[in-house]
Amino acid sequence: MPKWIKYVSLSVITIAIGFTIGYFVNQSINHLSPEEEKLLEQYHLLKDDWLFGNEQDYLDDLVSEGIISGPADALDDPYTVYTDTYEEQGLGTDHLGLGFTSHSYDGGLYVVEVHDGVNQNKLQVGDIIYGCYKNDAAYYDFTSHSSSEITEYLRTDVDENTKFKMDILRGNERLTIELIRGEYTEKYVDVLQEPTAENNMSLVIRINTFLGEPVTDVIDTINHYSEIKISNLVIDLRQNTGGLVSQADALAKLFVKKDTLIYQFRNKNDEITKESYQRKDPMFTIPHYSLIIDDKTASASETFTLAMRAGTDCTVYGLKSFGKGIAQEFKTFSDGSVVKYTSSYVYGPERENESMYDEDKDADDVLCIHGKGIIPDVAYDSDYTYLQNVVDYTDSIYITEQEGEYLLKFLNDIYTDKNFPSKYTNGFRFTDAIEAFTDIINQNYQQEYQPFTDDGLVSKSINDKIIKESYDAYLKHYDLLTSLSL
């Protein structure tokens, strides 16, 4: 049998069984309908009599996964997932590694976040790693490798005894810093600015995730400045894709006024299955709150934002949020396997006498922003988040339409004085855009970079500069939006 037929057959079988076995979980065999009996007979035929059934010990696992993945894939629900263990759901904040998050930058790695645990006091945000020595191996020059190759090198053939001597640029100083692999915890909260007269006594913090226990860190951070009268608490939720609604609920209750609705869960029948209100006075009373959101702000972050809009003197800045207004629950089976499944729509409060959208389906006091997002009170004038994408034009002379448009949009947004066309034409193609960018880079850096290799591919040096220039622009917009919220 050809492999593709075998794989397609298994996929069809898995989906078919997946749609059916769930019917039998809570029913006695004597109460099955004729259709259900037929489906169960089909399952046993596959398991007991099918030529390949006895040879595949994992048929039951395929069936179990198919119960979830079949309907979830068919109905485009990426949040409903079956795994063999809870850990495989990927909801933990404890990890094993070098303890930092990075972004490709100028051929190296730009340190975006330094986490708590291993190596936490050695690196700084903004460090650029250009290469390393792994134990006694020769120097590994990051600028000569792709980002995927660098990642693979840092992860392969390493243990707790592996030592990395990192070649780092910090400001204008070149340093060598030794890192080891070990345990670390994702950093929940960063202090971006302390309250000073220059920023109108604003405390600016970034909450990176609603997994783990960020609420505890927020309390500790604010209490650290208890002797200073904070006039504005700026909470940066950009790139925060969410986590636990319980953490969003607890965090909102630190600030919102008494009797504020935090959230409602509603099932497929529009019945309220769970809701939470602020039942007491908040722990902190700060005159004003500013929230910063973008197109990656999602889920629990949006739940928190809606509660803050309604329950505090709050201004929301930035870009329209992602729009994930659904919640998931977990079911653990006797064998330890776990399914995370979408169970509810999440509703949040609207401000008094205000409707963000014309829902016409409620009393104008709650709404669900699923598929819509939260509209900021003060919209940022640039949709800048695409600038943190990493493009690689060095592999092939054939690029996708999206990759080509990325470069042209980037050139128009960053080099506004160059009057680049808004669309490619026969008179201005992708290769012309690369050559124009190379001219800019050679002038700005006083270099003689070549736009293409002898094979007609985009040169790595120019591709690295595209990534660097775009990420520099992203960071600049990031800081400008922060300043707008002060």
Protein backbone atom coordinates (compact mmCIF):
# COMPACT_ATOMS: atom_id res chain seq x y z
CA MET A 1 0.00 0.00 0.00
CA PRO A 2 1.47 3.45 -0.89
CA LYS A 3 2.34 5.51 2.17
CA TRP A 4 0.08 8.40 1.23
CA ILE A 5 -2.93 6.09 1.03
CA LYS A 6 -2.07 4.63 4.41
CA TYR A 7 -1.72 8.08 6.01
CA VAL A 8 -4.91 9.40 4.44
CA SER A 9 -6.76 6.28 5.53
CA LEU A 10 -5.54 6.65 9.09
CA SER A 11 -6.53 10.33 9.10
CA VAL A 12 -10.03 9.55 7.86
CA ILE A 13 -10.38 6.69 10.35
CA THR A 14 -9.12 8.85 13.20
CA ILE A 15 -11.52 11.68 12.42
CA ALA A 16 -14.46 9.34 11.86
CA ILE A 17 -13.88 7.52 15.13
CA GLY A 18 -13.15 10.78 16.86
CA PHE A 19 -16.57 12.14 16.08
CA THR A 20 -18.26 9.07 17.49
CA ILE A 21 -16.60 7.45 20.50
CA GLY A 22 -17.47 10.38 22.75
CA TYR A 23 -21.09 9.41 22.44
CA PHE A 24 -20.45 6.27 24.41
CA VAL A 25 -18.59 7.66 27.40
CA ASN A 26 -21.52 8.25 29.72
CA GLN A 27 -24.03 5.86 28.21
CA SER A 28 -24.80 2.23 28.91
CA ILE A 29 -24.41 -0.09 25.95
CA ASN A 30 -28.11 -0.92 26.33
CA HIS A 31 -29.10 2.69 25.71
CA LEU A 32 -27.27 3.18 22.44
CA SER A 33 -29.24 4.11 19.35
CA PRO A 34 -28.90 1.91 16.24
CA GLU A 35 -26.59 4.54 14.74
CA GLU A 36 -24.38 4.54 17.84
CA GLU A 37 -24.26 0.74 17.89
CA LYS A 38 -23.14 0.79 14.26
CA LEU A 39 -20.36 3.26 15.02
CA LEU A 40 -19.16 1.17 17.95
CA GLU A 41 -19.16 -1.95 15.76
CA GLN A 42 -17.05 -0.07 13.21
CA TYR A 43 -14.52 0.79 15.91
CA HIS A 44 -14.22 -2.85 17.05
CA LEU A 45 -13.93 -4.01 13.45
CA LEU A 46 -10.95 -1.69 12.99
CA LYS A 47 -9.39 -2.67 16.30
CA ASP A 48 -9.98 -6.43 16.18
CA ASP A 49 -10.35 -7.51 12.56
CA TRP A 50 -8.66 -4.87 10.42
CA LEU A 51 -5.42 -6.22 8.96
CA PHE A 52 -3.39 -3.32 10.36
CA GLY A 53 -5.29 -2.91 13.61
CA ASN A 54 -3.46 -5.55 15.62
CA GLU A 55 -0.10 -4.38 14.30
CA GLN A 56 -0.65 -0.83 15.50
CA ASP A 57 -0.54 -0.69 19.26
CA TYR A 58 -1.20 3.01 19.09
CA LEU A 59 -4.60 2.69 17.41
CA ASP A 60 -6.34 3.56 20.67
CA ASP A 61 -4.17 6.66 20.99
CA LEU A 62 -5.12 7.67 17.45
CA VAL A 63 -8.76 7.21 18.34
CA SER A 64 -8.41 9.27 21.52
CA GLU A 65 -6.63 12.04 19.70
CA GLY A 66 -9.13 11.86 16.86
CA ILE A 67 -12.03 12.51 19.22
CA ILE A 68 -10.53 15.92 19.81
CA SER A 69 -8.51 16.77 16.74
CA GLY A 70 -11.16 15.74 14.22
CA PRO A 71 -13.93 18.11 15.31
CA ALA A 72 -11.48 20.80 16.45
CA ASP A 73 -9.71 20.90 13.10
CA ALA A 74 -12.95 20.76 11.17
CA LEU A 75 -14.39 23.70 13.10
CA ASP A 76 -11.12 25.68 13.20
CA ASP A 77 -10.60 25.57 16.98
CA PRO A 78 -6.82 25.50 17.61
CA TYR A 79 -7.36 25.84 21.36
CA THR A 80 -8.91 22.39 21.81
CA VAL A 81 -5.99 20.00 22.17
CA TYR A 82 -5.44 16.41 23.35
CA THR A 83 -2.08 15.43 24.89
CA ASP A 84 -0.74 12.37 26.67
CA THR A 85 0.20 14.42 29.75
CA TYR A 86 -0.69 17.76 31.30
CA GLU A 87 2.88 19.01 30.88
CA GLU A 88 2.55 18.64 27.11
CA GLN A 89 -0.17 21.28 27.15
CA GLY A 90 2.66 23.82 27.43
CA LEU A 91 1.15 25.91 30.22
CA GLY A 92 4.13 25.89 32.56
CA THR A 93 6.48 28.81 33.18
CA ASP A 94 9.41 26.73 34.43
CA HIS A 95 11.89 25.65 31.80
CA LEU A 96 15.38 24.29 31.19
CA GLY A 97 17.77 26.33 29.08
CA LEU A 98 20.00 29.41 29.05
CA GLY A 99 17.36 31.62 30.66
CA PHE A 100 16.87 34.37 28.11
CA THR A 101 14.59 35.24 25.20
CA SER A 102 16.11 36.73 22.08
CA HIS A 103 15.34 38.12 18.65
CA SER A 104 17.42 37.81 15.49
CA TYR A 105 19.44 40.98 15.06
CA ASP A 106 22.29 42.02 12.76
CA GLY A 107 23.36 38.40 12.31
CA GLY A 108 23.32 37.73 16.05
CA LEU A 109 20.81 37.58 18.89
CA TYR A 110 19.27 40.60 20.61
CA VAL A 111 18.42 39.81 24.25
CA VAL A 112 14.74 40.70 24.72
CA GLU A 113 14.15 39.24 28.18
CA VAL A 114 16.30 37.81 30.97
CA HIS A 115 14.31 35.37 33.08
CA ASP A 116 14.53 34.48 36.75
CA GLY A 117 16.91 31.65 37.58
CA VAL A 118 20.01 30.50 35.76
CA ASN A 119 22.18 33.33 34.37
CA GLN A 120 19.67 36.02 35.44
CA ASN A 121 22.32 38.49 36.63
CA LYS A 122 24.73 37.98 33.75
CA LEU A 123 22.83 39.25 30.74
CA GLN A 124 20.98 42.52 30.18
CA VAL A 125 18.12 43.41 27.88
CA GLY A 126 19.67 44.93 24.77
CA ASP A 127 22.82 42.78 24.80
CA ILE A 128 23.70 41.49 21.35
CA ILE A 129 25.28 38.03 21.17
CA TYR A 130 27.45 37.59 18.09
CA GLY A 131 28.94 34.16 18.76
CA CYS A 132 30.13 31.72 21.40
CA TYR A 133 32.51 28.99 22.44
CA LYS A 134 30.76 25.78 23.55
CA ASN A 135 33.08 24.07 26.04
CA ASP A 136 36.36 23.55 24.18
CA ALA A 137 34.89 23.70 20.67
CA ALA A 138 35.97 26.28 18.12
CA TYR A 139 34.31 29.69 18.02
CA TYR A 140 30.81 29.53 16.52
CA ASP A 141 30.20 32.75 14.62
CA PHE A 142 26.48 33.56 14.68
CA THR A 143 26.82 36.01 11.80
CA SER A 144 27.77 33.13 9.50
CA HIS A 145 24.67 31.08 10.32
CA SER A 146 20.91 31.38 10.06
CA SER A 147 18.75 31.92 13.12
CA SER A 148 17.48 28.32 12.96
CA GLU A 149 21.06 27.02 12.82
CA ILE A 150 22.01 29.14 15.84
CA THR A 151 19.03 27.85 17.81
CA GLU A 152 19.90 24.26 16.92
CA TYR A 153 23.54 24.76 17.94
CA LEU A 154 22.59 26.17 21.35
CA ARG A 155 20.25 23.26 22.03
CA THR A 156 22.20 20.31 20.64
CA ASP A 157 24.70 18.22 22.62
CA VAL A 158 24.32 20.21 25.81
CA ASP A 159 23.76 19.30 29.47
CA GLU A 160 24.14 20.95 32.87
CA ASN A 161 27.92 20.81 32.53
CA THR A 162 28.03 22.59 29.17
CA LYS A 163 29.58 26.05 29.34
CA PHE A 164 29.00 28.75 26.78
CA LYS A 165 31.37 31.68 26.54
CA MET A 166 29.22 34.27 24.82
CA ASP A 167 30.69 37.03 22.68
CA ILE A 168 28.50 40.02 23.59
CA LEU A 169 28.19 43.65 22.55
CA ARG A 170 26.76 45.77 25.38
CA GLY A 171 26.48 49.34 24.26
CA ASN A 172 29.90 50.07 22.80
CA GLU A 173 31.71 47.48 24.92
CA ARG A 174 32.61 43.97 23.78
CA LEU A 175 32.33 41.38 26.58
CA THR A 176 32.76 37.65 27.11
CA ILE A 177 30.17 36.20 29.49
CA GLU A 178 29.96 32.57 30.60
CA LEU A 179 26.52 31.00 30.61
CA ILE A 180 25.38 27.52 31.65
CA ARG A 181 22.23 25.55 30.96
CA GLY A 182 19.86 25.28 33.91
CA GLU A 183 16.40 25.88 35.33
CA TYR A 184 14.65 29.22 34.95
CA THR A 185 11.19 30.71 35.33
CA GLU A 186 9.67 33.09 32.84
CA LYS A 187 9.75 36.62 34.19
CA TYR A 188 6.23 37.73 35.02
CA VAL A 189 6.73 41.45 35.54
CA ASP A 190 9.26 44.03 34.34
CA VAL A 191 9.64 47.58 35.65
CA LEU A 192 10.11 49.73 32.55
CA GLN A 193 10.10 53.10 34.31
CA GLU A 194 10.13 54.13 37.95
CA PRO A 195 7.94 57.07 39.04
CA THR A 196 9.76 60.41 38.70
CA ALA A 197 8.83 64.02 38.16
CA GLU A 198 9.94 63.69 34.54
CA ASN A 199 7.29 61.02 33.78
CA ASN A 200 4.55 62.59 35.93
CA MET A 201 5.09 60.09 38.74
CA SER A 202 4.13 57.18 36.51
CA LEU A 203 5.14 53.63 37.37
CA VAL A 204 5.43 51.69 34.12
CA ILE A 205 5.34 47.90 34.37
CA ARG A 206 5.04 45.18 31.76
CA ILE A 207 3.11 41.99 32.51
CA ASN A 208 4.51 39.30 30.23
CA THR A 209 2.05 36.47 30.86
CA PHE A 210 -0.99 35.43 32.85
CA LEU A 211 0.42 31.96 33.35
CA GLY A 212 2.09 31.21 36.67
CA GLU A 213 1.57 33.83 39.39
CA PRO A 214 2.10 37.33 37.99
CA VAL A 215 -0.31 38.81 40.54
CA THR A 216 2.13 38.22 43.40
CA ASP A 217 4.89 40.00 41.51
CA VAL A 218 2.62 42.95 40.69
CA ILE A 219 1.75 43.37 44.38
CA ASP A 220 5.42 43.21 45.38
CA THR A 221 6.40 45.68 42.67
CA ILE A 222 3.80 48.29 43.62
CA ASN A 223 4.53 47.88 47.33
CA HIS A 224 8.20 48.53 46.58
CA TYR A 225 7.17 52.10 45.69
CA SER A 226 4.73 52.50 48.58
CA GLU A 227 6.51 55.59 49.91
CA ILE A 228 6.12 57.34 46.57
CA LYS A 229 2.76 58.77 45.53
CA ILE A 230 2.15 57.12 42.17
CA SER A 231 -0.18 59.22 40.04
CA ASN A 232 -0.40 56.87 37.05
CA LEU A 233 0.13 53.13 36.84
CA VAL A 234 0.97 52.15 33.28
CA ILE A 235 0.45 48.44 32.58
CA ASP A 236 2.01 47.24 29.36
CA LEU A 237 0.17 44.21 27.94
CA ARG A 238 1.73 44.21 24.48
CA GLN A 239 2.58 40.74 23.18
CA ASN A 240 0.86 39.22 26.24
CA THR A 241 -1.13 36.37 24.73
CA GLY A 242 -2.91 35.54 27.97
CA GLY A 243 -2.96 32.55 30.29
CA LEU A 244 -5.17 31.87 33.28
CA VAL A 245 -8.43 33.76 33.69
CA SER A 246 -8.04 33.26 37.46
CA GLN A 247 -4.90 35.42 37.36
CA ALA A 248 -6.64 38.09 35.27
CA ASP A 249 -9.48 38.04 37.79
CA ALA A 250 -7.17 38.35 40.79
CA LEU A 251 -5.15 41.10 39.13
CA ALA A 252 -8.22 43.16 38.25
CA LYS A 253 -9.44 42.90 41.85
CA LEU A 254 -6.29 44.71 42.99
CA PHE A 255 -7.56 47.86 41.28
CA VAL A 256 -11.25 47.93 40.24
CA LYS A 257 -13.97 49.50 42.36
CA LYS A 258 -16.39 47.46 44.41
CA ASP A 259 -19.24 45.66 42.55
CA THR A 260 -17.42 45.72 39.21
CA LEU A 261 -18.07 42.70 37.01
CA ILE A 262 -14.79 41.05 36.08
CA TYR A 263 -16.03 38.40 33.65
CA GLN A 264 -18.82 36.01 32.71
CA PHE A 265 -18.55 32.56 31.14
CA ARG A 266 -21.45 31.61 28.86
CA ASN A 267 -21.95 28.17 27.33
CA LYS A 268 -23.28 27.23 23.89
CA ASN A 269 -26.85 27.87 25.14
CA ASP A 270 -25.93 31.42 26.24
CA GLU A 271 -26.32 30.37 29.89
CA ILE A 272 -24.04 32.00 32.46
CA THR A 273 -21.97 29.16 33.90
CA LYS A 274 -19.52 31.25 35.91
CA GLU A 275 -18.99 34.89 36.78
CA SER A 276 -16.85 37.00 39.05
CA TYR A 277 -17.41 40.37 40.71
CA GLN A 278 -15.28 42.61 42.86
CA ARG A 279 -16.85 42.09 46.29
CA LYS A 280 -14.65 44.42 48.32
CA ASP A 281 -12.61 47.57 48.05
CA PRO A 282 -9.47 47.24 45.93
CA MET A 283 -6.03 46.76 47.45
CA PHE A 284 -4.59 49.73 45.53
CA THR A 285 -6.18 53.07 44.77
CA ILE A 286 -4.14 54.92 42.18
CA PRO A 287 -5.55 58.11 40.59
CA HIS A 288 -5.18 56.92 37.00
CA TYR A 289 -4.37 53.76 35.05
CA SER A 290 -3.01 53.45 31.55
CA LEU A 291 -3.08 50.15 29.66
CA ILE A 292 -1.08 49.55 26.49
CA ILE A 293 -2.30 46.84 24.11
CA ASP A 294 -1.47 45.60 20.62
CA ASP A 295 -2.60 42.97 18.15
CA LYS A 296 -1.02 40.16 20.20
CA THR A 297 -2.79 41.15 23.44
CA ALA A 298 -5.24 38.27 23.86
CA SER A 299 -7.38 36.08 26.08
CA ALA A 300 -6.80 36.72 29.80
CA SER A 301 -5.08 40.00 28.92
CA GLU A 302 -8.26 41.15 27.21
CA THR A 303 -10.40 39.96 30.12
CA PHE A 304 -8.27 42.07 32.46
CA THR A 305 -8.43 45.07 30.12
CA LEU A 306 -12.22 45.05 29.90
CA ALA A 307 -12.52 44.93 33.70
CA MET A 308 -10.06 47.81 34.10
CA ARG A 309 -11.91 49.91 31.51
CA ALA A 310 -15.15 49.58 33.45
CA GLY A 311 -13.89 49.57 37.03
CA THR A 312 -11.18 52.25 37.16
CA ASP A 313 -10.24 55.61 35.74
CA CYS A 314 -8.40 53.97 32.87
CA THR A 315 -7.22 54.92 29.39
CA VAL A 316 -6.33 52.21 26.89
CA TYR A 317 -3.59 53.02 24.38
CA GLY A 318 -2.19 51.21 21.37
CA LEU A 319 -3.63 48.94 18.69
CA LYS A 320 -6.80 46.89 18.57
CA SER A 321 -6.25 43.68 20.52
CA PHE A 322 -6.33 40.15 19.12
CA GLY A 323 -9.91 39.23 20.01
CA LYS A 324 -9.89 35.90 21.87
CA GLY A 325 -13.06 35.86 23.93
CA ILE A 326 -13.34 32.13 24.57
CA ALA A 327 -12.23 30.06 27.54
CA GLN A 328 -10.87 26.55 27.85
CA GLU A 329 -11.20 23.89 30.55
CA PHE A 330 -9.27 20.69 31.21
CA LYS A 331 -10.37 17.09 31.50
CA THR A 332 -7.86 14.58 32.85
CA PHE A 333 -8.52 10.90 32.06
CA SER A 334 -7.62 7.88 34.16
CA ASP A 335 -4.49 7.19 32.09
CA GLY A 336 -3.14 10.70 32.74
CA SER A 337 -3.93 12.05 29.29
CA VAL A 338 -5.51 15.48 29.13
CA VAL A 339 -7.83 17.36 26.85
CA LYS A 340 -8.03 21.13 26.87
CA TYR A 341 -11.31 22.07 25.26
CA THR A 342 -13.12 25.30 24.49
CA SER A 343 -16.09 25.48 26.84
CA SER A 344 -17.35 29.06 26.99
CA TYR A 345 -17.56 32.49 25.52
CA VAL A 346 -16.04 35.11 27.81
CA TYR A 347 -17.99 38.30 28.41
CA GLY A 348 -16.64 41.39 30.10
CA PRO A 349 -18.15 44.65 31.34
CA GLU A 350 -18.74 47.70 29.21
CA ARG A 351 -18.31 51.18 30.55
CA GLU A 352 -21.46 52.90 31.68
CA ASN A 353 -23.43 54.45 28.80
CA GLU A 354 -20.91 53.17 26.27
CA SER A 355 -20.91 50.39 23.73
CA MET A 356 -17.67 49.43 22.03
CA TYR A 357 -19.66 47.56 19.38
CA ASP A 358 -23.33 47.66 18.45
CA GLU A 359 -24.11 44.16 19.66
CA ASP A 360 -27.88 44.63 20.03
CA LYS A 361 -27.91 41.39 21.99
CA ASP A 362 -27.54 42.49 25.59
CA ALA A 363 -28.48 45.20 28.05
CA ASP A 364 -25.47 47.25 26.92
CA ASP A 365 -23.53 46.40 30.05
CA VAL A 366 -21.54 43.36 28.88
CA LEU A 367 -19.93 42.26 25.62
CA CYS A 368 -17.84 39.50 24.10
CA ILE A 369 -14.94 40.70 21.98
CA HIS A 370 -14.21 37.30 20.41
CA GLY A 371 -13.18 37.79 16.80
CA LYS A 372 -13.34 41.56 17.25
CA GLY A 373 -10.76 42.75 19.76
CA ILE A 374 -10.71 45.72 22.12
CA ILE A 375 -10.62 49.13 20.50
CA PRO A 376 -8.16 51.40 22.34
CA ASP A 377 -9.28 54.79 23.62
CA VAL A 378 -6.17 56.36 22.08
CA ALA A 379 -5.13 54.54 18.91
CA TYR A 380 -1.47 54.54 17.93
CA ASP A 381 -0.98 55.91 14.43
CA SER A 382 1.16 53.06 13.11
CA ASP A 383 0.50 49.34 12.79
CA TYR A 384 4.12 48.67 13.65
CA THR A 385 4.13 45.19 15.16
CA TYR A 386 4.91 43.47 11.85
CA LEU A 387 8.40 44.98 12.09
CA GLN A 388 9.46 42.30 14.57
CA ASN A 389 8.96 39.55 12.00
CA VAL A 390 12.07 37.74 10.77
CA VAL A 391 12.38 37.32 7.02
CA ASP A 392 14.91 35.20 5.16
CA TYR A 393 15.44 36.06 1.53
CA THR A 394 18.72 34.13 1.27
CA ASP A 395 17.41 30.62 0.60
CA SER A 396 15.77 31.00 -2.79
CA ILE A 397 15.28 33.42 -5.64
CA TYR A 398 11.60 32.56 -5.41
CA ILE A 399 9.79 34.38 -2.60
CA THR A 400 6.15 34.47 -1.64
CA GLU A 401 3.96 37.46 -2.34
CA GLN A 402 3.70 38.10 1.40
CA GLU A 403 7.49 38.13 1.81
CA GLY A 404 7.86 40.54 -1.07
CA GLU A 405 5.19 42.86 0.31
CA TYR A 406 6.90 42.84 3.70
CA LEU A 407 10.02 44.46 2.25
CA LEU A 408 8.09 47.13 0.36
CA LYS A 409 5.92 48.00 3.37
CA PHE A 410 9.04 48.16 5.55
CA LEU A 411 10.81 50.51 3.11
CA ASN A 412 7.79 52.82 2.88
CA ASP A 413 7.26 52.93 6.64
CA ILE A 414 10.89 53.47 7.63
CA TYR A 415 12.32 55.53 4.78
CA THR A 416 9.45 57.90 4.18
CA ASP A 417 11.69 60.46 2.45
CA LYS A 418 12.71 58.03 -0.32
CA ASN A 419 9.29 57.94 -2.02
CA PHE A 420 9.21 54.21 -2.67
CA PRO A 421 6.22 52.99 -4.71
CA SER A 422 3.37 51.39 -2.81
CA LYS A 423 3.23 48.41 -5.17
CA TYR A 424 5.68 46.47 -7.31
CA THR A 425 5.58 47.18 -11.04
CA ASN A 426 7.58 46.19 -14.08
CA GLY A 427 9.65 49.29 -13.42
CA PHE A 428 10.26 48.52 -9.75
CA ARG A 429 10.56 44.88 -8.76
CA PHE A 430 11.68 43.07 -5.64
CA THR A 431 15.30 43.05 -6.86
CA ASP A 432 15.11 46.83 -7.32
CA ALA A 433 13.89 47.19 -3.72
CA ILE A 434 16.84 45.12 -2.46
CA GLU A 435 19.29 47.25 -4.47
CA ALA A 436 17.71 50.47 -3.16
CA PHE A 437 17.92 49.21 0.41
CA THR A 438 21.57 48.24 -0.12
CA ASP A 439 22.35 51.77 -1.30
CA ILE A 440 20.79 53.18 1.89
CA ILE A 441 22.72 50.76 4.11
CA ASN A 442 26.04 51.40 2.38
CA GLN A 443 25.57 55.13 2.82
CA ASN A 444 24.46 54.89 6.47
CA TYR A 445 27.14 52.41 7.52
CA GLN A 446 29.90 53.55 5.18
CA GLN A 447 30.25 50.02 3.85
CA GLU A 448 30.27 48.29 0.48
CA TYR A 449 27.76 45.49 1.01
CA GLN A 450 26.67 43.58 -2.07
CA PRO A 451 22.92 43.10 -2.57
CA PHE A 452 23.15 39.63 -4.11
CA THR A 453 25.41 36.59 -4.18
CA ASP A 454 26.89 35.15 -7.36
CA ASP A 455 23.93 32.74 -7.43
CA GLY A 456 21.46 35.62 -7.57
CA LEU A 457 20.29 35.21 -3.97
CA VAL A 458 19.97 38.05 -1.49
CA SER A 459 23.26 38.30 0.41
CA LYS A 460 23.22 37.36 4.09
CA SER A 461 24.80 40.68 5.08
CA ILE A 462 21.92 42.60 3.50
CA ASN A 463 19.30 40.21 4.87
CA ASP A 464 20.79 40.70 8.36
CA LYS A 465 20.52 44.45 7.93
CA ILE A 466 16.86 44.17 6.90
CA ILE A 467 16.16 42.31 10.15
CA LYS A 468 18.21 44.79 12.20
CA GLU A 469 16.67 47.91 10.69
CA SER A 470 13.13 46.57 11.00
CA TYR A 471 13.62 45.53 14.63
CA ASP A 472 15.22 48.88 15.46
CA ALA A 473 12.11 50.52 14.04
CA TYR A 474 9.91 48.20 16.13
CA LEU A 475 11.74 49.14 19.32
CA LYS A 476 11.47 52.83 18.45
CA HIS A 477 7.70 52.58 17.98
CA TYR A 478 7.47 50.54 21.19
CA ASP A 479 9.12 53.34 23.18
CA LEU A 480 7.05 56.06 21.47
CA LEU A 481 3.82 54.31 22.41
CA THR A 482 5.02 53.94 26.00
CA SER A 483 5.71 57.69 26.10
CA LEU A 484 2.21 58.37 24.75
CA SER A 485 0.69 56.64 27.79
CA LEU A 486 2.50 58.78 30.38
